Amino acid sequence: MSRRCELTGKGPMSGNNVSHAKNRTRRRFLPNLNDTTLQSESLGRGFKLRISAAALRSVDHRGGLDAYLAKAKDTELSENALKIKKAISKSSATADVLS
């Protein structure tokens, strides 16, 4: 399982540990990933995703998983998130035709 956010694409960054004597050694900064279940309103079910804490706040700010995926770029999303996005857009397209 990679250390990459499924919604934003955030991954590990590299930098330096700097001691008091200014000795520099390489280190990794890992993203704050959480296993969460997000509910889709249009599909009426939940999806388990591994997303960063910042992405979770963004999903809440935009008004849920459906609204977030509608505005998200396809290049940032994982394969699993792309499948969910296509299913949501397909569901909303059929709902528009019926109404």
PDB file of N, CA and C in Angstrom:
ATOM      1  N   MET A   1       0.850  -1.168   0.000  1.00  0.00           N
ATOM      2  CA  MET A   1       0.000   0.000   0.000  1.00  0.00           C
ATOM      3  C   MET A   1       0.901   1.237   0.000  1.00  0.00           C
ATOM      4  N   SER A   2       0.740   2.093  -0.989  1.00  0.00           N
ATOM      5  CA  SER A   2       1.593   3.270  -1.085  1.00  0.00           C
ATOM      6  C   SER A   2       1.137   4.354  -0.120  1.00  0.00           C
ATOM      7  N   ARG A   3       2.068   5.193   0.264  1.00  0.00           N
ATOM      8  CA  ARG A   3       1.771   6.301   1.164  1.00  0.00           C
ATOM      9  C   ARG A   3       1.377   7.513   0.334  1.00  0.00           C
ATOM     10  N   ARG A   4       0.233   7.415  -0.324  1.00  0.00           N
ATOM     11  CA  ARG A   4      -0.230   8.475  -1.204  1.00  0.00           C
ATOM     12  C   ARG A   4      -1.724   8.679  -0.985  1.00  0.00           C
ATOM     13  N   CYS A   5      -2.144   9.934  -0.906  1.00  0.00           N
ATOM     14  CA  CYS A   5      -3.555  10.261  -0.722  1.00  0.00           C
ATOM     15  C   CYS A   5      -4.311   9.922  -2.006  1.00  0.00           C
ATOM     16  N   GLU A   6      -5.463   9.275  -1.870  1.00  0.00           N
ATOM     17  CA  GLU A   6      -6.223   8.861  -3.046  1.00  0.00           C
ATOM     18  C   GLU A   6      -6.968  10.015  -3.703  1.00  0.00           C
ATOM     19  N   LEU A   7      -7.187  11.106  -2.996  1.00  0.00           N
ATOM     20  CA  LEU A   7      -7.927  12.232  -3.562  1.00  0.00           C
ATOM     21  C   LEU A   7      -7.032  13.377  -4.030  1.00  0.00           C
ATOM     22  N   THR A   8      -5.998  13.695  -3.256  1.00  0.00           N
ATOM     23  CA  THR A   8      -5.154  14.841  -3.611  1.00  0.00           C
ATOM     24  C   THR A   8      -3.850  14.441  -4.264  1.00  0.00           C
ATOM     25  N   GLY A   9      -3.435  13.187  -4.108  1.00  0.00           N
ATOM     26  CA  GLY A   9      -2.175  12.743  -4.682  1.00  0.00           C
ATOM     27  C   GLY A   9      -0.959  13.104  -3.843  1.00  0.00           C
ATOM     28  N   LYS A  10      -1.168  13.615  -2.624  1.00  0.00           N
ATOM     29  CA  LYS A  10      -0.038  13.955  -1.754  1.00  0.00           C
ATOM     30  C   LYS A  10       0.736  12.698  -1.412  1.00  0.00           C
ATOM     31  N   GLY A  11       2.066  12.801  -1.461  1.00  0.00           N
ATOM     32  CA  GLY A  11       2.930  11.680  -1.129  1.00  0.00           C
ATOM     33  C   GLY A  11       4.068  12.125  -0.237  1.00  0.00           C
ATOM     34  N   PRO A  12       5.015  11.234   0.035  1.00  0.00           N
ATOM     35  CA  PRO A  12       6.142  11.587   0.885  1.00  0.00           C
ATOM     36  C   PRO A  12       7.023  12.653   0.249  1.00  0.00           C
ATOM     37  N   MET A  13       7.554  13.519   1.095  1.00  0.00           N
ATOM     38  CA  MET A  13       8.517  14.533   0.663  1.00  0.00           C
ATOM     39  C   MET A  13       9.822  14.255   1.390  1.00  0.00           C
ATOM     40  N   SER A  14      10.920  14.780   0.878  1.00  0.00           N
ATOM     41  CA  SER A  14      12.196  14.576   1.539  1.00  0.00           C
ATOM     42  C   SER A  14      12.761  15.910   1.989  1.00  0.00           C
ATOM     43  N   GLY A  15      13.583  15.837   3.027  1.00  0.00           N
ATOM     44  CA  GLY A  15      14.199  17.037   3.569  1.00  0.00           C
ATOM     45  C   GLY A  15      15.352  16.655   4.465  1.00  0.00           C
ATOM     46  N   ASN A  16      15.700  17.548   5.367  1.00  0.00           N
ATOM     47  CA  ASN A  16      16.829  17.321   6.252  1.00  0.00           C
ATOM     48  C   ASN A  16      16.415  17.368   7.711  1.00  0.00           C
ATOM     49  N   ASN A  17      17.018  16.480   8.533  1.00  0.00           N
ATOM     50  CA  ASN A  17      17.050  16.666   9.975  1.00  0.00           C
ATOM     51  C   ASN A  17      18.225  17.591  10.238  1.00  0.00           C
ATOM     52  N   VAL A  18      18.007  18.652  10.987  1.00  0.00           N
ATOM     53  CA  VAL A  18      19.082  19.593  11.281  1.00  0.00           C
ATOM     54  C   VAL A  18      19.312  19.593  12.784  1.00  0.00           C
ATOM     55  N   SER A  19      20.507  19.182  13.187  1.00  0.00           N
ATOM     56  CA  SER A  19      20.835  19.135  14.606  1.00  0.00           C
ATOM     57  C   SER A  19      21.221  20.526  15.105  1.00  0.00           C
ATOM     58  N   HIS A  20      21.434  20.619  16.409  1.00  0.00           N
ATOM     59  CA  HIS A  20      21.830  21.891  17.011  1.00  0.00           C
ATOM     60  C   HIS A  20      23.174  22.360  16.444  1.00  0.00           C
ATOM     61  N   ALA A  21      24.024  21.396  16.064  1.00  0.00           N
ATOM     62  CA  ALA A  21      25.333  21.719  15.483  1.00  0.00           C
ATOM     63  C   ALA A  21      25.253  21.914  13.970  1.00  0.00           C
ATOM     64  N   LYS A  22      24.036  22.004  13.437  1.00  0.00           N
ATOM     65  CA  LYS A  22      23.775  22.204  12.006  1.00  0.00           C
ATOM     66  C   LYS A  22      24.228  21.029  11.137  1.00  0.00           C
ATOM     67  N   ASN A  23      24.322  19.822  11.726  1.00  0.00           N
ATOM     68  CA  ASN A  23      24.586  18.633  10.917  1.00  0.00           C
ATOM     69  C   ASN A  23      23.296  18.260  10.217  1.00  0.00           C
ATOM     70  N   ARG A  24      23.393  17.967   8.926  1.00  0.00           N
ATOM     71  CA  ARG A  24      22.204  17.663   8.144  1.00  0.00           C
ATOM     72  C   ARG A  24      22.202  16.200   7.700  1.00  0.00           C
ATOM     73  N   THR A  25      21.119  15.499   8.006  1.00  0.00           N
ATOM     74  CA  THR A  25      20.927  14.126   7.532  1.00  0.00           C
ATOM     75  C   THR A  25      19.565  14.060   6.865  1.00  0.00           C
ATOM     76  N   ARG A  26      19.459  13.256   5.832  1.00  0.00           N
ATOM     77  CA  ARG A  26      18.229  13.176   5.050  1.00  0.00           C
ATOM     78  C   ARG A  26      17.122  12.484   5.837  1.00  0.00           C
ATOM     79  N   ARG A  27      15.895  12.909   5.599  1.00  0.00           N
ATOM     80  CA  ARG A  27      14.727  12.311   6.232  1.00  0.00           C
ATOM     81  C   ARG A  27      13.547  12.406   5.288  1.00  0.00           C
ATOM     82  N   ARG A  28      12.457  11.724   5.648  1.00  0.00           N
ATOM     83  CA  ARG A  28      11.220  11.760   4.853  1.00  0.00           C
ATOM     84  C   ARG A  28      10.111  12.385   5.672  1.00  0.00           C
ATOM     85  N   PHE A  29       9.308  13.226   5.016  1.00  0.00           N
ATOM     86  CA  PHE A  29       8.102  13.773   5.618  1.00  0.00           C
ATOM     87  C   PHE A  29       6.928  13.006   5.013  1.00  0.00           C
ATOM     88  N   LEU A  30       6.217  12.246   5.847  1.00  0.00           N
ATOM     89  CA  LEU A  30       5.111  11.427   5.355  1.00  0.00           C
ATOM     90  C   LEU A  30       3.789  12.174   5.509  1.00  0.00           C
ATOM     91  N   PRO A  31       2.858  12.002   4.572  1.00  0.00           N
ATOM     92  CA  PRO A  31       1.558  12.662   4.698  1.00  0.00           C
ATOM     93  C   PRO A  31       0.729  12.030   5.818  1.00  0.00           C
ATOM     94  N   ASN A  32      -0.168  12.814   6.388  1.00  0.00           N
ATOM     95  CA  ASN A  32      -1.025  12.349   7.480  1.00  0.00           C
ATOM     96  C   ASN A  32      -2.217  11.610   6.877  1.00  0.00           C
ATOM     97  N   LEU A  33      -2.050  10.315   6.608  1.00  0.00           N
ATOM     98  CA  LEU A  33      -3.083   9.524   5.942  1.00  0.00           C
ATOM     99  C   LEU A  33      -3.993   8.841   6.953  1.00  0.00           C
ATOM    100  N   ASN A  34      -5.287   8.814   6.630  1.00  0.00           N
ATOM    101  CA  ASN A  34      -6.294   8.181   7.474  1.00  0.00           C
ATOM    102  C   ASN A  34      -7.178   7.284   6.610  1.00  0.00           C
ATOM    103  N   ASP A  35      -7.540   6.119   7.143  1.00  0.00           N
ATOM    104  CA  ASP A  35      -8.504   5.238   6.483  1.00  0.00           C
ATOM    105  C   ASP A  35      -9.895   5.711   6.866  1.00  0.00           C
ATOM    106  N   THR A  36     -10.651   6.217   5.894  1.00  0.00           N
ATOM    107  CA  THR A  36     -11.978   6.745   6.193  1.00  0.00           C
ATOM    108  C   THR A  36     -12.999   6.166   5.225  1.00  0.00           C
ATOM    109  N   THR A  37     -14.241   6.168   5.659  1.00  0.00           N
ATOM    110  CA  THR A  37     -15.356   5.777   4.801  1.00  0.00           C
ATOM    111  C   THR A  37     -16.162   7.032   4.506  1.00  0.00           C
ATOM    112  N   LEU A  38     -16.227   7.417   3.245  1.00  0.00           N
ATOM    113  CA  LEU A  38     -16.962   8.602   2.826  1.00  0.00           C
ATOM    114  C   LEU A  38     -18.247   8.178   2.137  1.00  0.00           C
ATOM    115  N   GLN A  39     -19.347   8.860   2.453  1.00  0.00           N
ATOM    116  CA  GLN A  39     -20.651   8.518   1.905  1.00  0.00           C
ATOM    117  C   GLN A  39     -20.909   9.298   0.614  1.00  0.00           C
ATOM    118  N   SER A  40     -21.393   8.600  -0.390  1.00  0.00           N
ATOM    119  CA  SER A  40     -21.821   9.235  -1.634  1.00  0.00           C
ATOM    120  C   SER A  40     -23.339   9.385  -1.591  1.00  0.00           C
ATOM    121  N   GLU A  41     -23.808  10.620  -1.757  1.00  0.00           N
ATOM    122  CA  GLU A  41     -25.249  10.879  -1.697  1.00  0.00           C
ATOM    123  C   GLU A  41     -25.971  10.346  -2.930  1.00  0.00           C
ATOM    124  N   SER A  42     -25.357  10.505  -4.103  1.00  0.00           N
ATOM    125  CA  SER A  42     -26.036  10.080  -5.328  1.00  0.00           C
ATOM    126  C   SER A  42     -26.066   8.561  -5.465  1.00  0.00           C
ATOM    127  N   LEU A  43     -25.029   7.870  -4.983  1.00  0.00           N
ATOM    128  CA  LEU A  43     -25.001   6.405  -5.077  1.00  0.00           C
ATOM    129  C   LEU A  43     -25.605   5.739  -3.850  1.00  0.00           C
ATOM    130  N   GLY A  44     -25.719   6.477  -2.758  1.00  0.00           N
ATOM    131  CA  GLY A  44     -26.340   5.939  -1.559  1.00  0.00           C
ATOM    132  C   GLY A  44     -25.529   4.873  -0.854  1.00  0.00           C
ATOM    133  N   ARG A  45     -24.215   4.964  -0.914  1.00  0.00           N
ATOM    134  CA  ARG A  45     -23.363   3.992  -0.226  1.00  0.00           C
ATOM    135  C   ARG A  45     -22.050   4.646   0.159  1.00  0.00           C
ATOM    136  N   GLY A  46     -21.280   3.941   0.987  1.00  0.00           N
ATOM    137  CA  GLY A  46     -20.009   4.453   1.466  1.00  0.00           C
ATOM    138  C   GLY A  46     -18.839   3.831   0.715  1.00  0.00           C
ATOM    139  N   PHE A  47     -17.729   4.561   0.669  1.00  0.00           N
ATOM    140  CA  PHE A  47     -16.513   4.088   0.016  1.00  0.00           C
ATOM    141  C   PHE A  47     -15.350   4.259   0.973  1.00  0.00           C
ATOM    142  N   LYS A  48     -14.543   3.195   1.138  1.00  0.00           N
ATOM    143  CA  LYS A  48     -13.367   3.267   1.992  1.00  0.00           C
ATOM    144  C   LYS A  48     -12.214   3.835   1.172  1.00  0.00           C
ATOM    145  N   LEU A  49     -11.635   4.922   1.674  1.00  0.00           N
ATOM    146  CA  LEU A  49     -10.521   5.574   1.000  1.00  0.00           C
ATOM    147  C   LEU A  49      -9.425   5.867   2.006  1.00  0.00           C
ATOM    148  N   ARG A  50      -8.192   5.936   1.525  1.00  0.00           N
ATOM    149  CA  ARG A  50      -7.048   6.331   2.355  1.00  0.00           C
ATOM    150  C   ARG A  50      -6.662   7.740   1.932  1.00  0.00           C
ATOM    151  N   ILE A  51      -7.090   8.722   2.718  1.00  0.00           N
ATOM    152  CA  ILE A  51      -6.893  10.116   2.335  1.00  0.00           C
ATOM    153  C   ILE A  51      -6.184  10.881   3.443  1.00  0.00           C
ATOM    154  N   SER A  52      -5.604  12.016   3.062  1.00  0.00           N
ATOM    155  CA  SER A  52      -4.917  12.860   4.036  1.00  0.00           C
ATOM    156  C   SER A  52      -5.933  13.665   4.834  1.00  0.00           C
ATOM    157  N   ALA A  53      -5.484  14.177   5.979  1.00  0.00           N
ATOM    158  CA  ALA A  53      -6.352  14.990   6.834  1.00  0.00           C
ATOM    159  C   ALA A  53      -6.767  16.267   6.106  1.00  0.00           C
ATOM    160  N   ALA A  54      -5.866  16.825   5.308  1.00  0.00           N
ATOM    161  CA  ALA A  54      -6.189  18.035   4.538  1.00  0.00           C
ATOM    162  C   ALA A  54      -7.279  17.739   3.502  1.00  0.00           C
ATOM    163  N   ALA A  55      -7.229  16.558   2.881  1.00  0.00           N
ATOM    164  CA  ALA A  55      -8.246  16.188   1.903  1.00  0.00           C
ATOM    165  C   ALA A  55      -9.596  15.982   2.574  1.00  0.00           C
ATOM    166  N   LEU A  56      -9.588  15.444   3.780  1.00  0.00           N
ATOM    167  CA  LEU A  56     -10.839  15.245   4.517  1.00  0.00           C
ATOM    168  C   LEU A  56     -11.498  16.585   4.815  1.00  0.00           C
ATOM    169  N   ARG A  57     -10.703  17.589   5.196  1.00  0.00           N
ATOM    170  CA  ARG A  57     -11.246  18.925   5.423  1.00  0.00           C
ATOM    171  C   ARG A  57     -11.764  19.530   4.120  1.00  0.00           C
ATOM    172  N   SER A  58     -11.077  19.276   3.009  1.00  0.00           N
ATOM    173  CA  SER A  58     -11.519  19.803   1.717  1.00  0.00           C
ATOM    174  C   SER A  58     -12.838  19.180   1.283  1.00  0.00           C
ATOM    175  N   VAL A  59     -12.998  17.885   1.540  1.00  0.00           N
ATOM    176  CA  VAL A  59     -14.250  17.200   1.206  1.00  0.00           C
ATOM    177  C   VAL A  59     -15.395  17.812   2.007  1.00  0.00           C
ATOM    178  N   ASP A  60     -15.178  18.059   3.298  1.00  0.00           N
ATOM    179  CA  ASP A  60     -16.212  18.687   4.122  1.00  0.00           C
ATOM    180  C   ASP A  60     -16.519  20.100   3.642  1.00  0.00           C
ATOM    181  N   HIS A  61     -15.482  20.843   3.263  1.00  0.00           N
ATOM    182  CA  HIS A  61     -15.665  22.229   2.828  1.00  0.00           C
ATOM    183  C   HIS A  61     -16.466  22.317   1.529  1.00  0.00           C
ATOM    184  N   ARG A  62     -16.214  21.386   0.609  1.00  0.00           N
ATOM    185  CA  ARG A  62     -16.919  21.424  -0.676  1.00  0.00           C
ATOM    186  C   ARG A  62     -18.311  20.833  -0.613  1.00  0.00           C
ATOM    187  N   GLY A  63     -18.667  20.190   0.476  1.00  0.00           N
ATOM    188  CA  GLY A  63     -20.024  19.696   0.619  1.00  0.00           C
ATOM    189  C   GLY A  63     -20.205  18.222   0.362  1.00  0.00           C
ATOM    190  N   GLY A  64     -19.179  17.426   0.570  1.00  0.00           N
ATOM    191  CA  GLY A  64     -19.308  15.982   0.443  1.00  0.00           C
ATOM    192  C   GLY A  64     -18.456  15.410  -0.674  1.00  0.00           C
ATOM    193  N   LEU A  65     -18.453  14.080  -0.722  1.00  0.00           N
ATOM    194  CA  LEU A  65     -17.622  13.366  -1.690  1.00  0.00           C
ATOM    195  C   LEU A  65     -18.033  13.661  -3.127  1.00  0.00           C
ATOM    196  N   ASP A  66     -19.329  13.718  -3.392  1.00  0.00           N
ATOM    197  CA  ASP A  66     -19.805  13.941  -4.762  1.00  0.00           C
ATOM    198  C   ASP A  66     -19.335  15.293  -5.300  1.00  0.00           C
ATOM    199  N   ALA A  67     -19.487  16.335  -4.488  1.00  0.00           N
ATOM    200  CA  ALA A  67     -19.083  17.675  -4.919  1.00  0.00           C
ATOM    201  C   ALA A  67     -17.573  17.767  -5.069  1.00  0.00           C
ATOM    202  N   TYR A  68     -16.827  17.100  -4.188  1.00  0.00           N
ATOM    203  CA  TYR A  68     -15.372  17.151  -4.275  1.00  0.00           C
ATOM    204  C   TYR A  68     -14.881  16.487  -5.555  1.00  0.00           C
ATOM    205  N   LEU A  69     -15.408  15.300  -5.849  1.00  0.00           N
ATOM    206  CA  LEU A  69     -14.953  14.576  -7.040  1.00  0.00           C
ATOM    207  C   LEU A  69     -15.373  15.269  -8.327  1.00  0.00           C
ATOM    208  N   ALA A  70     -16.485  16.006  -8.298  1.00  0.00           N
ATOM    209  CA  ALA A  70     -16.923  16.724  -9.502  1.00  0.00           C
ATOM    210  C   ALA A  70     -15.911  17.794  -9.906  1.00  0.00           C
ATOM    211  N   LYS A  71     -15.273  18.425  -8.907  1.00  0.00           N
ATOM    212  CA  LYS A  71     -14.312  19.488  -9.195  1.00  0.00           C
ATOM    213  C   LYS A  71     -12.868  19.003  -9.275  1.00  0.00           C
ATOM    214  N   ALA A  72     -12.593  17.782  -8.841  1.00  0.00           N
ATOM    215  CA  ALA A  72     -11.220  17.277  -8.768  1.00  0.00           C
ATOM    216  C   ALA A  72     -10.670  16.963 -10.155  1.00  0.00           C
ATOM    217  N   LYS A  73      -9.359  17.167 -10.309  1.00  0.00           N
ATOM    218  CA  LYS A  73      -8.681  16.830 -11.561  1.00  0.00           C
ATOM    219  C   LYS A  73      -8.429  15.331 -11.610  1.00  0.00           C
ATOM    220  N   ASP A  74      -8.589  14.740 -12.786  1.00  0.00           N
ATOM    221  CA  ASP A  74      -8.421  13.296 -12.931  1.00  0.00           C
ATOM    222  C   ASP A  74      -6.973  12.870 -12.698  1.00  0.00           C
ATOM    223  N   THR A  75      -6.015  13.754 -12.955  1.00  0.00           N
ATOM    224  CA  THR A  75      -4.602  13.387 -12.797  1.00  0.00           C
ATOM    225  C   THR A  75      -4.218  13.198 -11.335  1.00  0.00           C
ATOM    226  N   GLU A  76      -4.920  13.872 -10.410  1.00  0.00           N
ATOM    227  CA  GLU A  76      -4.601  13.760  -8.987  1.00  0.00           C
ATOM    228  C   GLU A  76      -5.254  12.546  -8.340  1.00  0.00           C
ATOM    229  N   LEU A  77      -6.334  12.045  -8.906  1.00  0.00           N
ATOM    230  CA  LEU A  77      -7.104  10.967  -8.287  1.00  0.00           C
ATOM    231  C   LEU A  77      -6.471   9.607  -8.538  1.00  0.00           C
ATOM    232  N   SER A  78      -6.669   8.686  -7.596  1.00  0.00           N
ATOM    233  CA  SER A  78      -6.216   7.307  -7.779  1.00  0.00           C
ATOM    234  C   SER A  78      -7.195   6.575  -8.697  1.00  0.00           C
ATOM    235  N   GLU A  79      -6.846   5.355  -9.060  1.00  0.00           N
ATOM    236  CA  GLU A  79      -7.720   4.558  -9.937  1.00  0.00           C
ATOM    237  C   GLU A  79      -9.058   4.287  -9.252  1.00  0.00           C
ATOM    238  N   ASN A  80      -9.006   3.997  -7.959  1.00  0.00           N
ATOM    239  CA  ASN A  80     -10.229   3.725  -7.197  1.00  0.00           C
ATOM    240  C   ASN A  80     -11.126   4.966  -7.166  1.00  0.00           C
ATOM    241  N   ALA A  81     -10.538   6.129  -6.923  1.00  0.00           N
ATOM    242  CA  ALA A  81     -11.311   7.371  -6.876  1.00  0.00           C
ATOM    243  C   ALA A  81     -11.871   7.727  -8.251  1.00  0.00           C
ATOM    244  N   LEU A  82     -11.135   7.413  -9.313  1.00  0.00           N
ATOM    245  CA  LEU A  82     -11.642   7.674 -10.674  1.00  0.00           C
ATOM    246  C   LEU A  82     -12.872   6.816 -10.972  1.00  0.00           C
ATOM    247  N   LYS A  83     -12.866   5.566 -10.517  1.00  0.00           N
ATOM    248  CA  LYS A  83     -14.026   4.698 -10.711  1.00  0.00           C
ATOM    249  C   LYS A  83     -15.244   5.258  -9.986  1.00  0.00           C
ATOM    250  N   ILE A  84     -15.016   5.749  -8.765  1.00  0.00           N
ATOM    251  CA  ILE A  84     -16.113   6.339  -7.996  1.00  0.00           C
ATOM    252  C   ILE A  84     -16.632   7.588  -8.697  1.00  0.00           C
ATOM    253  N   LYS A  85     -15.732   8.417  -9.209  1.00  0.00           N
ATOM    254  CA  LYS A  85     -16.127   9.655  -9.897  1.00  0.00           C
ATOM    255  C   LYS A  85     -16.973   9.343 -11.133  1.00  0.00           C
ATOM    256  N   LYS A  86     -16.563   8.337 -11.906  1.00  0.00           N
ATOM    257  CA  LYS A  86     -17.325   7.973 -13.105  1.00  0.00           C
ATOM    258  C   LYS A  86     -18.691   7.414 -12.742  1.00  0.00           C
ATOM    259  N   ALA A  87     -18.767   6.634 -11.676  1.00  0.00           N
ATOM    260  CA  ALA A  87     -20.051   6.076 -11.242  1.00  0.00           C
ATOM    261  C   ALA A  87     -20.988   7.187 -10.775  1.00  0.00           C
ATOM    262  N   ILE A  88     -20.448   8.185 -10.083  1.00  0.00           N
ATOM    263  CA  ILE A  88     -21.263   9.306  -9.605  1.00  0.00           C
ATOM    264  C   ILE A  88     -21.762  10.143 -10.776  1.00  0.00           C
ATOM    265  N   SER A  89     -20.881  10.410 -11.747  1.00  0.00           N
ATOM    266  CA  SER A  89     -21.306  11.206 -12.905  1.00  0.00           C
ATOM    267  C   SER A  89     -22.331  10.453 -13.745  1.00  0.00           C
ATOM    268  N   LYS A  90     -22.166   9.135 -13.846  1.00  0.00           N
ATOM    269  CA  LYS A  90     -23.133   8.315 -14.582  1.00  0.00           C
ATOM    270  C   LYS A  90     -24.483   8.312 -13.873  1.00  0.00           C
ATOM    271  N   SER A  91     -24.459   8.231 -12.549  1.00  0.00           N
ATOM    272  CA  SER A  91     -25.689   8.232 -11.759  1.00  0.00           C
ATOM    273  C   SER A  91     -26.416   9.568 -11.872  1.00  0.00           C
ATOM    274  N   SER A  92     -25.665  10.662 -11.819  1.00  0.00           N
ATOM    275  CA  SER A  92     -26.301  11.978 -11.925  1.00  0.00           C
ATOM    276  C   SER A  92     -26.823  12.230 -13.333  1.00  0.00           C
ATOM    277  N   ALA A  93     -26.174  11.668 -14.362  1.00  0.00           N
ATOM    278  CA  ALA A  93     -26.649  11.823 -15.729  1.00  0.00           C
ATOM    279  C   ALA A  93     -27.974  11.101 -15.925  1.00  0.00           C
ATOM    280  N   THR A  94     -28.103   9.898 -15.342  1.00  0.00           N
ATOM    281  CA  THR A  94     -29.359   9.170 -15.474  1.00  0.00           C
ATOM    282  C   THR A  94     -30.457   9.838 -14.662  1.00  0.00           C
ATOM    283  N   ALA A  95     -30.091  10.459 -13.536  1.00  0.00           N
ATOM    284  CA  ALA A  95     -31.095  11.167 -12.727  1.00  0.00           C
ATOM    285  C   ALA A  95     -31.592  12.401 -13.461  1.00  0.00           C
ATOM    286  N   ASP A  96     -30.725  13.070 -14.217  1.00  0.00           N
ATOM    287  CA  ASP A  96     -31.121  14.249 -14.990  1.00  0.00           C
ATOM    288  C   ASP A  96     -32.081  13.858 -16.125  1.00  0.00           C
ATOM    289  N   VAL A  97     -31.848  12.694 -16.737  1.00  0.00           N
ATOM    290  CA  VAL A  97     -32.696  12.244 -17.830  1.00  0.00           C
ATOM    291  C   VAL A  97     -34.096  11.897 -17.318  1.00  0.00           C
ATOM    292  N   LEU A  98     -34.140  11.286 -16.137  1.00  0.00           N
ATOM    293  CA  LEU A  98     -35.425  10.868 -15.580  1.00  0.00           C
ATOM    294  C   LEU A  98     -36.280  12.047 -15.103  1.00  0.00           C
ATOM    295  N   SER A  99     -35.648  13.120 -14.693  1.00  0.00           N
ATOM    296  CA  SER A  99     -36.432  14.253 -14.177  1.00  0.00           C
ATOM    297  C   SER A  99     -36.743  15.281 -15.233  1.00  0.00           C
TER     298      SER A  99
END
